[in-house]
Amino acid sequence: MSAEAAAEIRTTHILDLAAAGKRLDGRSPDEYRKISIEPGFVVSADGSALVRLGNTAVLAGIKLEPGKPFPDTPNAGVLTTNAELIPLSNPTFEPGPPQPWAIEVSRVVDRAIRAAETIDLTKLCVTPGEKSWVCYTDVHVLDHDGNLIDASLLAAVTALAHATVPAKRLGVGEADYPLEVQHLPIECTFVRLGDTIVVDPTFDEEQAAQGRLTVATDETGQVVAMQKGLVGAFSPDDVKEVVRRAFKHGERLRQFARNGGPTA
């Protein structure tokens, strides 16, 4: 049997299950896979976290170093986010320049962090116009079995929440101190499978999906960002329902990021 025929059969089966309110792994349409979070996974980083979402594994690392602020924001530090999708994590990834999917993941994660004002960048300013802290947030996908956006942001905000500014080590201050995190945005991704909208899609469900919608919320009750992906539409009522579900899941996932619990 060809790969194309097998994929078509798998897609049909996934859609048939969704129509009956079921999924391949036995979850309900509004159920996340098992989540495991390990903050401080990389001891040499200023902050880090390993997140496992089902069989998806994402590692985020934080590096803080002195730099120069941008001319248009002389009183603020610098935040940069990058996502690396290595070929070893999934056969669909290729070596070379960043692929469109890697760029989308990094931009969606970065947008949520910025829009929620996770970090007050003005507090990363050392000397206005001359010196500030540059915060690098690097996301590395180790195993891709779907829903990279949710796993990547969860790893990134957990790493930020447990990061330390190495002021003494780098000769910028008298002591190292915890990075101050104001808000913890959480992204929840949903895909349409026929008439059913499911949360936390697996890789196979993403391949069968007719539309993807990611909603980022914070603890203040705000929707801070949204991202529509794939071909397919969501009605206004669909969007309202997805937002409601995103708030519910966000409250639970945020506690894991804040507390750094090993298993959820």
C-alpha atoms as a PDB file:
ATOM      1  CA  MET A   1       0.000   0.000   0.000  1.00  0.00           C
ATOM      2  CA  SER A   2       1.354   3.424  -0.926  1.00  0.00           C
ATOM      3  CA  ALA A   3       2.007   6.091   1.683  1.00  0.00           C
ATOM      4  CA  GLU A   4      -0.662   8.282   0.082  1.00  0.00           C
ATOM      5  CA  ALA A   5      -3.303   5.557   0.307  1.00  0.00           C
ATOM      6  CA  ALA A   6      -2.396   4.814   3.922  1.00  0.00           C
ATOM      7  CA  ALA A   7      -2.635   8.498   4.804  1.00  0.00           C
ATOM      8  CA  GLU A   8      -6.054   8.762   3.149  1.00  0.00           C
ATOM      9  CA  ILE A   9      -7.353   5.745   5.065  1.00  0.00           C
ATOM     10  CA  ARG A  10      -5.975   7.151   8.321  1.00  0.00           C
ATOM     11  CA  THR A  11      -7.594  10.522   7.672  1.00  0.00           C
ATOM     12  CA  THR A  12     -10.959   8.935   6.948  1.00  0.00           C
ATOM     13  CA  HIS A  13     -10.743   6.894  10.143  1.00  0.00           C
ATOM     14  CA  ILE A  14      -9.841   9.966  12.216  1.00  0.00           C
ATOM     15  CA  LEU A  15     -12.772  11.933  10.781  1.00  0.00           C
ATOM     16  CA  ASP A  16     -15.172   9.037  11.374  1.00  0.00           C
ATOM     17  CA  LEU A  17     -14.043   8.784  14.996  1.00  0.00           C
ATOM     18  CA  ALA A  18     -14.385  12.552  15.495  1.00  0.00           C
ATOM     19  CA  ALA A  19     -17.938  12.452  14.161  1.00  0.00           C
ATOM     20  CA  ALA A  20     -18.697   9.966  16.953  1.00  0.00           C
ATOM     21  CA  GLY A  21     -16.951  12.103  19.595  1.00  0.00           C
ATOM     22  CA  LYS A  22     -13.917   9.816  19.752  1.00  0.00           C
ATOM     23  CA  ARG A  23     -10.201  10.009  19.009  1.00  0.00           C
ATOM     24  CA  LEU A  24      -7.484   7.530  18.052  1.00  0.00           C
ATOM     25  CA  ASP A  25      -5.832   7.684  21.485  1.00  0.00           C
ATOM     26  CA  GLY A  26      -9.101   7.389  23.407  1.00  0.00           C
ATOM     27  CA  ARG A  27      -9.316  11.012  24.530  1.00  0.00           C
ATOM     28  CA  SER A  28     -12.445  13.129  24.431  1.00  0.00           C
ATOM     29  CA  PRO A  29     -12.524  16.118  22.034  1.00  0.00           C
ATOM     30  CA  ASP A  30     -11.745  18.529  24.903  1.00  0.00           C
ATOM     31  CA  GLU A  31      -8.997  16.562  26.633  1.00  0.00           C
ATOM     32  CA  TYR A  32      -5.246  17.230  26.662  1.00  0.00           C
ATOM     33  CA  ARG A  33      -2.673  14.491  26.596  1.00  0.00           C
ATOM     34  CA  LYS A  34      -0.556  13.829  29.687  1.00  0.00           C
ATOM     35  CA  ILE A  35       1.780  16.740  30.426  1.00  0.00           C
ATOM     36  CA  SER A  36       5.204  16.505  32.081  1.00  0.00           C
ATOM     37  CA  ILE A  37       7.237  19.638  32.922  1.00  0.00           C
ATOM     38  CA  GLU A  38      10.828  19.715  34.156  1.00  0.00           C
ATOM     39  CA  PRO A  39      12.125  23.246  34.898  1.00  0.00           C
ATOM     40  CA  GLY A  40      15.874  23.661  35.199  1.00  0.00           C
ATOM     41  CA  PHE A  41      16.490  20.774  32.801  1.00  0.00           C
ATOM     42  CA  VAL A  42      19.683  22.388  31.416  1.00  0.00           C
ATOM     43  CA  VAL A  43      21.853  23.473  34.345  1.00  0.00           C
ATOM     44  CA  SER A  44      24.145  25.637  32.193  1.00  0.00           C
ATOM     45  CA  ALA A  45      21.251  27.821  30.966  1.00  0.00           C
ATOM     46  CA  ASP A  46      19.958  30.886  32.809  1.00  0.00           C
ATOM     47  CA  GLY A  47      16.541  29.223  32.665  1.00  0.00           C
ATOM     48  CA  SER A  48      15.187  26.120  30.982  1.00  0.00           C
ATOM     49  CA  ALA A  49      12.292  23.699  30.881  1.00  0.00           C
ATOM     50  CA  LEU A  50      11.542  20.402  29.210  1.00  0.00           C
ATOM     51  CA  VAL A  51       7.883  19.872  28.344  1.00  0.00           C
ATOM     52  CA  ARG A  52       6.411  16.571  27.245  1.00  0.00           C
ATOM     53  CA  LEU A  53       2.915  16.733  25.811  1.00  0.00           C
ATOM     54  CA  GLY A  54       2.001  13.165  25.033  1.00  0.00           C
ATOM     55  CA  ASN A  55       4.789  12.050  22.690  1.00  0.00           C
ATOM     56  CA  THR A  56       5.723  15.623  21.789  1.00  0.00           C
ATOM     57  CA  ALA A  57       8.846  16.866  23.575  1.00  0.00           C
ATOM     58  CA  VAL A  58      10.061  20.476  23.543  1.00  0.00           C
ATOM     59  CA  LEU A  59      13.036  22.015  25.340  1.00  0.00           C
ATOM     60  CA  ALA A  60      13.237  25.776  25.958  1.00  0.00           C
ATOM     61  CA  GLY A  61      16.359  27.567  27.107  1.00  0.00           C
ATOM     62  CA  ILE A  62      16.890  31.129  28.327  1.00  0.00           C
ATOM     63  CA  LYS A  63      20.136  33.047  27.923  1.00  0.00           C
ATOM     64  CA  LEU A  64      20.585  36.554  29.324  1.00  0.00           C
ATOM     65  CA  GLU A  65      23.572  38.673  28.383  1.00  0.00           C
ATOM     66  CA  PRO A  66      24.441  42.392  28.360  1.00  0.00           C
ATOM     67  CA  GLY A  67      23.775  44.210  25.113  1.00  0.00           C
ATOM     68  CA  LYS A  68      22.714  47.522  23.668  1.00  0.00           C
ATOM     69  CA  PRO A  69      19.049  48.583  23.573  1.00  0.00           C
ATOM     70  CA  PHE A  70      17.383  49.411  20.264  1.00  0.00           C
ATOM     71  CA  PRO A  71      17.512  53.116  19.348  1.00  0.00           C
ATOM     72  CA  ASP A  72      13.708  53.420  19.415  1.00  0.00           C
ATOM     73  CA  THR A  73      13.474  51.809  22.876  1.00  0.00           C
ATOM     74  CA  PRO A  74      16.502  53.153  24.763  1.00  0.00           C
ATOM     75  CA  ASN A  75      14.950  52.416  28.163  1.00  0.00           C
ATOM     76  CA  ALA A  76      14.095  48.772  27.509  1.00  0.00           C
ATOM     77  CA  GLY A  77      15.818  45.449  27.238  1.00  0.00           C
ATOM     78  CA  VAL A  78      15.620  43.143  24.243  1.00  0.00           C
ATOM     79  CA  LEU A  79      13.620  39.933  23.862  1.00  0.00           C
ATOM     80  CA  THR A  80      14.141  37.507  20.990  1.00  0.00           C
ATOM     81  CA  THR A  81      12.473  34.146  20.396  1.00  0.00           C
ATOM     82  CA  ASN A  82      13.607  31.377  18.075  1.00  0.00           C
ATOM     83  CA  ALA A  83      12.276  27.881  17.370  1.00  0.00           C
ATOM     84  CA  GLU A  84      14.457  25.084  16.052  1.00  0.00           C
ATOM     85  CA  LEU A  85      12.741  22.103  14.397  1.00  0.00           C
ATOM     86  CA  ILE A  86      15.479  19.534  13.958  1.00  0.00           C
ATOM     87  CA  PRO A  87      15.096  16.693  11.398  1.00  0.00           C
ATOM     88  CA  LEU A  88      15.613  14.064  14.116  1.00  0.00           C
ATOM     89  CA  SER A  89      12.333  15.111  15.742  1.00  0.00           C
ATOM     90  CA  ASN A  90      10.128  14.275  12.749  1.00  0.00           C
ATOM     91  CA  PRO A  91      10.690  12.949   9.195  1.00  0.00           C
ATOM     92  CA  THR A  92       8.824  15.972   7.766  1.00  0.00           C
ATOM     93  CA  PHE A  93      11.525  18.383   8.999  1.00  0.00           C
ATOM     94  CA  GLU A  94      14.517  19.076   6.779  1.00  0.00           C
ATOM     95  CA  PRO A  95      17.989  20.488   7.515  1.00  0.00           C
ATOM     96  CA  GLY A  96      18.910  23.930   6.284  1.00  0.00           C
ATOM     97  CA  PRO A  97      17.305  27.373   6.626  1.00  0.00           C
ATOM     98  CA  PRO A  98      14.241  27.721   8.883  1.00  0.00           C
ATOM     99  CA  GLN A  99      11.124  26.233   7.324  1.00  0.00           C
ATOM    100  CA  PRO A 100       7.803  28.118   7.279  1.00  0.00           C
ATOM    101  CA  TRP A 101       6.443  25.981  10.126  1.00  0.00           C
ATOM    102  CA  ALA A 102       9.477  26.793  12.321  1.00  0.00           C
ATOM    103  CA  ILE A 103       9.025  30.489  11.587  1.00  0.00           C
ATOM    104  CA  GLU A 104       5.316  30.301  12.433  1.00  0.00           C
ATOM    105  CA  VAL A 105       5.949  28.530  15.750  1.00  0.00           C
ATOM    106  CA  SER A 106       8.581  31.060  16.825  1.00  0.00           C
ATOM    107  CA  ARG A 107       6.427  34.035  15.820  1.00  0.00           C
ATOM    108  CA  VAL A 108       3.279  32.740  17.513  1.00  0.00           C
ATOM    109  CA  VAL A 109       5.174  31.990  20.729  1.00  0.00           C
ATOM    110  CA  ASP A 110       6.947  35.353  20.621  1.00  0.00           C
ATOM    111  CA  ARG A 111       3.672  37.193  19.972  1.00  0.00           C
ATOM    112  CA  ALA A 112       1.997  35.656  23.031  1.00  0.00           C
ATOM    113  CA  ILE A 113       4.959  36.501  25.287  1.00  0.00           C
ATOM    114  CA  ARG A 114       5.077  40.098  24.051  1.00  0.00           C
ATOM    115  CA  ALA A 115       1.320  40.727  23.929  1.00  0.00           C
ATOM    116  CA  ALA A 116       0.865  39.434  27.482  1.00  0.00           C
ATOM    117  CA  GLU A 117       3.809  41.576  28.633  1.00  0.00           C
ATOM    118  CA  THR A 118       5.252  38.493  30.265  1.00  0.00           C
ATOM    119  CA  ILE A 119       8.426  40.465  31.018  1.00  0.00           C
ATOM    120  CA  ASP A 120       8.607  44.171  31.741  1.00  0.00           C
ATOM    121  CA  LEU A 121      11.416  44.975  29.332  1.00  0.00           C
ATOM    122  CA  THR A 122      12.043  48.339  30.977  1.00  0.00           C
ATOM    123  CA  LYS A 123      13.330  46.458  34.027  1.00  0.00           C
ATOM    124  CA  LEU A 124      15.994  44.881  31.836  1.00  0.00           C
ATOM    125  CA  CYS A 125      17.508  48.292  31.153  1.00  0.00           C
ATOM    126  CA  VAL A 126      20.863  48.856  32.868  1.00  0.00           C
ATOM    127  CA  THR A 127      21.928  52.223  31.421  1.00  0.00           C
ATOM    128  CA  PRO A 128      19.400  54.000  29.158  1.00  0.00           C
ATOM    129  CA  GLY A 129      20.565  54.076  25.568  1.00  0.00           C
ATOM    130  CA  GLU A 130      23.790  52.252  26.391  1.00  0.00           C
ATOM    131  CA  LYS A 131      23.355  48.912  28.112  1.00  0.00           C
ATOM    132  CA  SER A 132      20.489  46.502  28.720  1.00  0.00           C
ATOM    133  CA  TRP A 133      19.880  42.811  29.132  1.00  0.00           C
ATOM    134  CA  VAL A 134      19.155  40.781  26.015  1.00  0.00           C
ATOM    135  CA  CYS A 135      16.867  37.818  26.738  1.00  0.00           C
ATOM    136  CA  TYR A 136      17.197  34.987  24.238  1.00  0.00           C
ATOM    137  CA  THR A 137      14.414  32.411  24.329  1.00  0.00           C
ATOM    138  CA  ASP A 138      15.318  29.366  22.258  1.00  0.00           C
ATOM    139  CA  VAL A 139      12.856  26.543  21.665  1.00  0.00           C
ATOM    140  CA  HIS A 140      14.122  23.174  20.451  1.00  0.00           C
ATOM    141  CA  VAL A 141      11.654  20.529  19.281  1.00  0.00           C
ATOM    142  CA  LEU A 142      12.997  17.111  20.279  1.00  0.00           C
ATOM    143  CA  ASP A 143      10.019  14.935  19.300  1.00  0.00           C
ATOM    144  CA  HIS A 144       7.104  16.128  17.180  1.00  0.00           C
ATOM    145  CA  ASP A 145       3.814  14.298  17.618  1.00  0.00           C
ATOM    146  CA  GLY A 146       1.564  17.316  17.195  1.00  0.00           C
ATOM    147  CA  ASN A 147       0.672  20.605  18.880  1.00  0.00           C
ATOM    148  CA  LEU A 148       4.099  22.223  18.844  1.00  0.00           C
ATOM    149  CA  ILE A 149       2.705  25.697  19.553  1.00  0.00           C
ATOM    150  CA  ASP A 150       1.174  24.832  22.936  1.00  0.00           C
ATOM    151  CA  ALA A 151       4.176  22.785  24.035  1.00  0.00           C
ATOM    152  CA  SER A 152       6.646  25.459  22.881  1.00  0.00           C
ATOM    153  CA  LEU A 153       4.974  28.334  24.728  1.00  0.00           C
ATOM    154  CA  LEU A 154       4.495  26.219  27.856  1.00  0.00           C
ATOM    155  CA  ALA A 155       8.209  25.380  27.824  1.00  0.00           C
ATOM    156  CA  ALA A 156       9.179  29.006  27.138  1.00  0.00           C
ATOM    157  CA  VAL A 157       7.094  30.606  29.901  1.00  0.00           C
ATOM    158  CA  THR A 158       8.139  27.909  32.389  1.00  0.00           C
ATOM    159  CA  ALA A 159      11.785  28.572  31.543  1.00  0.00           C
ATOM    160  CA  LEU A 160      11.248  32.332  31.923  1.00  0.00           C
ATOM    161  CA  ALA A 161       9.426  31.871  35.241  1.00  0.00           C
ATOM    162  CA  HIS A 162      12.405  29.951  36.619  1.00  0.00           C
ATOM    163  CA  ALA A 163      15.192  32.032  35.043  1.00  0.00           C
ATOM    164  CA  THR A 164      17.954  33.935  36.838  1.00  0.00           C
ATOM    165  CA  VAL A 165      19.584  37.164  35.645  1.00  0.00           C
ATOM    166  CA  PRO A 166      23.369  36.496  35.925  1.00  0.00           C
ATOM    167  CA  ALA A 167      24.231  40.044  36.987  1.00  0.00           C
ATOM    168  CA  LYS A 168      27.094  39.138  39.341  1.00  0.00           C
ATOM    169  CA  ARG A 169      28.480  36.400  37.117  1.00  0.00           C
ATOM    170  CA  LEU A 170      28.717  38.780  34.156  1.00  0.00           C
ATOM    171  CA  GLY A 171      29.896  41.769  36.167  1.00  0.00           C
ATOM    172  CA  VAL A 172      26.755  43.873  35.756  1.00  0.00           C
ATOM    173  CA  GLY A 173      25.676  43.907  39.404  1.00  0.00           C
ATOM    174  CA  GLU A 174      26.485  42.758  42.900  1.00  0.00           C
ATOM    175  CA  ALA A 175      24.262  39.663  42.858  1.00  0.00           C
ATOM    176  CA  ASP A 176      22.329  37.443  40.512  1.00  0.00           C
ATOM    177  CA  TYR A 177      18.559  37.733  40.857  1.00  0.00           C
ATOM    178  CA  PRO A 178      15.414  36.001  39.591  1.00  0.00           C
ATOM    179  CA  LEU A 179      13.997  37.261  36.295  1.00  0.00           C
ATOM    180  CA  GLU A 180      10.743  39.046  37.087  1.00  0.00           C
ATOM    181  CA  VAL A 181       7.809  37.570  35.189  1.00  0.00           C
ATOM    182  CA  GLN A 182       4.588  39.607  35.251  1.00  0.00           C
ATOM    183  CA  HIS A 183       2.194  37.351  33.361  1.00  0.00           C
ATOM    184  CA  LEU A 184       2.084  33.754  32.174  1.00  0.00           C
ATOM    185  CA  PRO A 185       0.311  33.443  28.818  1.00  0.00           C
ATOM    186  CA  ILE A 186      -0.891  30.004  27.770  1.00  0.00           C
ATOM    187  CA  GLU A 187      -1.731  28.977  24.219  1.00  0.00           C
ATOM    188  CA  CYS A 188      -4.382  26.365  23.491  1.00  0.00           C
ATOM    189  CA  THR A 189      -4.597  24.945  19.990  1.00  0.00           C
ATOM    190  CA  PHE A 190      -7.720  23.445  18.440  1.00  0.00           C
ATOM    191  CA  VAL A 191      -8.278  21.799  15.055  1.00  0.00           C
ATOM    192  CA  ARG A 192     -11.427  21.078  13.115  1.00  0.00           C
ATOM    193  CA  LEU A 193     -12.087  17.441  12.242  1.00  0.00           C
ATOM    194  CA  GLY A 194     -15.281  17.547  10.232  1.00  0.00           C
ATOM    195  CA  ASP A 195     -17.914  19.118  12.453  1.00  0.00           C
ATOM    196  CA  THR A 196     -15.915  18.431  15.627  1.00  0.00           C
ATOM    197  CA  ILE A 197     -13.306  20.755  17.131  1.00  0.00           C
ATOM    198  CA  VAL A 198     -10.671  19.012  19.250  1.00  0.00           C
ATOM    199  CA  VAL A 199      -7.970  20.419  21.516  1.00  0.00           C
ATOM    200  CA  ASP A 200      -4.293  19.374  21.607  1.00  0.00           C
ATOM    201  CA  PRO A 201      -4.136  17.616  18.223  1.00  0.00           C
ATOM    202  CA  THR A 202      -1.677  14.816  17.586  1.00  0.00           C
ATOM    203  CA  PHE A 203       0.463  14.798  14.442  1.00  0.00           C
ATOM    204  CA  ASP A 204      -2.000  12.509  12.632  1.00  0.00           C
ATOM    205  CA  GLU A 205      -4.936  14.726  13.639  1.00  0.00           C
ATOM    206  CA  GLU A 206      -3.109  17.778  12.323  1.00  0.00           C
ATOM    207  CA  GLN A 207      -2.634  16.026   8.996  1.00  0.00           C
ATOM    208  CA  ALA A 208      -6.365  15.302   8.829  1.00  0.00           C
ATOM    209  CA  ALA A 209      -7.525  18.715  10.088  1.00  0.00           C
ATOM    210  CA  GLN A 210      -9.548  21.290   8.159  1.00  0.00           C
ATOM    211  CA  GLY A 211      -8.392  24.346  10.073  1.00  0.00           C
ATOM    212  CA  ARG A 212      -6.384  25.226  13.164  1.00  0.00           C
ATOM    213  CA  LEU A 213      -7.042  27.955  15.733  1.00  0.00           C
ATOM    214  CA  THR A 214      -4.689  28.885  18.574  1.00  0.00           C
ATOM    215  CA  VAL A 215      -5.863  31.148  21.414  1.00  0.00           C
ATOM    216  CA  ALA A 216      -3.469  32.688  23.947  1.00  0.00           C
ATOM    217  CA  THR A 217      -4.910  33.824  27.282  1.00  0.00           C
ATOM    218  CA  ASP A 218      -3.430  35.250  30.472  1.00  0.00           C
ATOM    219  CA  GLU A 219      -4.373  35.092  34.145  1.00  0.00           C
ATOM    220  CA  THR A 220      -6.183  38.447  33.993  1.00  0.00           C
ATOM    221  CA  GLY A 221      -8.908  37.039  31.774  1.00  0.00           C
ATOM    222  CA  GLN A 222      -7.621  38.566  28.541  1.00  0.00           C
ATOM    223  CA  VAL A 223      -7.226  37.012  25.113  1.00  0.00           C
ATOM    224  CA  VAL A 224      -3.739  38.272  24.248  1.00  0.00           C
ATOM    225  CA  ALA A 225      -3.232  36.628  20.852  1.00  0.00           C
ATOM    226  CA  MET A 226      -4.833  34.359  18.260  1.00  0.00           C
ATOM    227  CA  GLN A 227      -3.479  32.488  15.245  1.00  0.00           C
ATOM    228  CA  LYS A 228      -5.465  30.850  12.452  1.00  0.00           C
ATOM    229  CA  GLY A 229      -3.732  28.120  10.464  1.00  0.00           C
ATOM    230  CA  LEU A 230      -4.394  25.510   7.793  1.00  0.00           C
ATOM    231  CA  VAL A 231      -7.182  25.639   5.220  1.00  0.00           C
ATOM    232  CA  GLY A 232     -10.680  25.689   6.706  1.00  0.00           C
ATOM    233  CA  ALA A 233     -13.055  28.045   8.455  1.00  0.00           C
ATOM    234  CA  PHE A 234     -14.402  28.660  11.951  1.00  0.00           C
ATOM    235  CA  SER A 235     -17.751  30.359  12.461  1.00  0.00           C
ATOM    236  CA  PRO A 236     -18.174  33.194  14.994  1.00  0.00           C
ATOM    237  CA  ASP A 237     -19.896  30.713  17.334  1.00  0.00           C
ATOM    238  CA  ASP A 238     -16.982  28.293  16.876  1.00  0.00           C
ATOM    239  CA  VAL A 239     -14.514  31.016  17.854  1.00  0.00           C
ATOM    240  CA  LYS A 240     -16.513  31.943  20.955  1.00  0.00           C
ATOM    241  CA  GLU A 241     -16.639  28.306  22.044  1.00  0.00           C
ATOM    242  CA  VAL A 242     -12.923  27.805  21.392  1.00  0.00           C
ATOM    243  CA  VAL A 243     -12.094  30.908  23.461  1.00  0.00           C
ATOM    244  CA  ARG A 244     -14.229  29.606  26.330  1.00  0.00           C
ATOM    245  CA  ARG A 245     -12.423  26.285  26.235  1.00  0.00           C
ATOM    246  CA  ALA A 246      -9.041  28.021  25.984  1.00  0.00           C
ATOM    247  CA  PHE A 247      -9.682  29.946  29.201  1.00  0.00           C
ATOM    248  CA  LYS A 248     -10.607  26.733  30.998  1.00  0.00           C
ATOM    249  CA  HIS A 249      -7.495  24.874  29.888  1.00  0.00           C
ATOM    250  CA  GLY A 250      -5.300  27.942  30.371  1.00  0.00           C
ATOM    251  CA  GLU A 251      -6.080  28.152  34.076  1.00  0.00           C
ATOM    252  CA  ARG A 252      -4.966  24.572  34.599  1.00  0.00           C
ATOM    253  CA  LEU A 253      -1.839  24.713  32.410  1.00  0.00           C
ATOM    254  CA  ARG A 254      -0.733  28.010  33.953  1.00  0.00           C
ATOM    255  CA  GLN A 255      -0.426  26.384  37.362  1.00  0.00           C
ATOM    256  CA  PHE A 256       1.951  23.804  35.902  1.00  0.00           C
ATOM    257  CA  ALA A 257       4.133  26.535  34.366  1.00  0.00           C
ATOM    258  CA  ARG A 258       4.176  28.561  37.571  1.00  0.00           C
ATOM    259  CA  ASN A 259       4.815  25.697  39.962  1.00  0.00           C
ATOM    260  CA  GLY A 260       7.005  23.639  37.679  1.00  0.00           C
ATOM    261  CA  GLY A 261       5.369  20.407  38.752  1.00  0.00           C
ATOM    262  CA  PRO A 262       7.034  17.297  37.299  1.00  0.00           C
ATOM    263  CA  THR A 263       3.836  15.701  36.070  1.00  0.00           C
ATOM    264  CA  ALA A 264       0.364  16.940  35.210  1.00  0.00           C
END
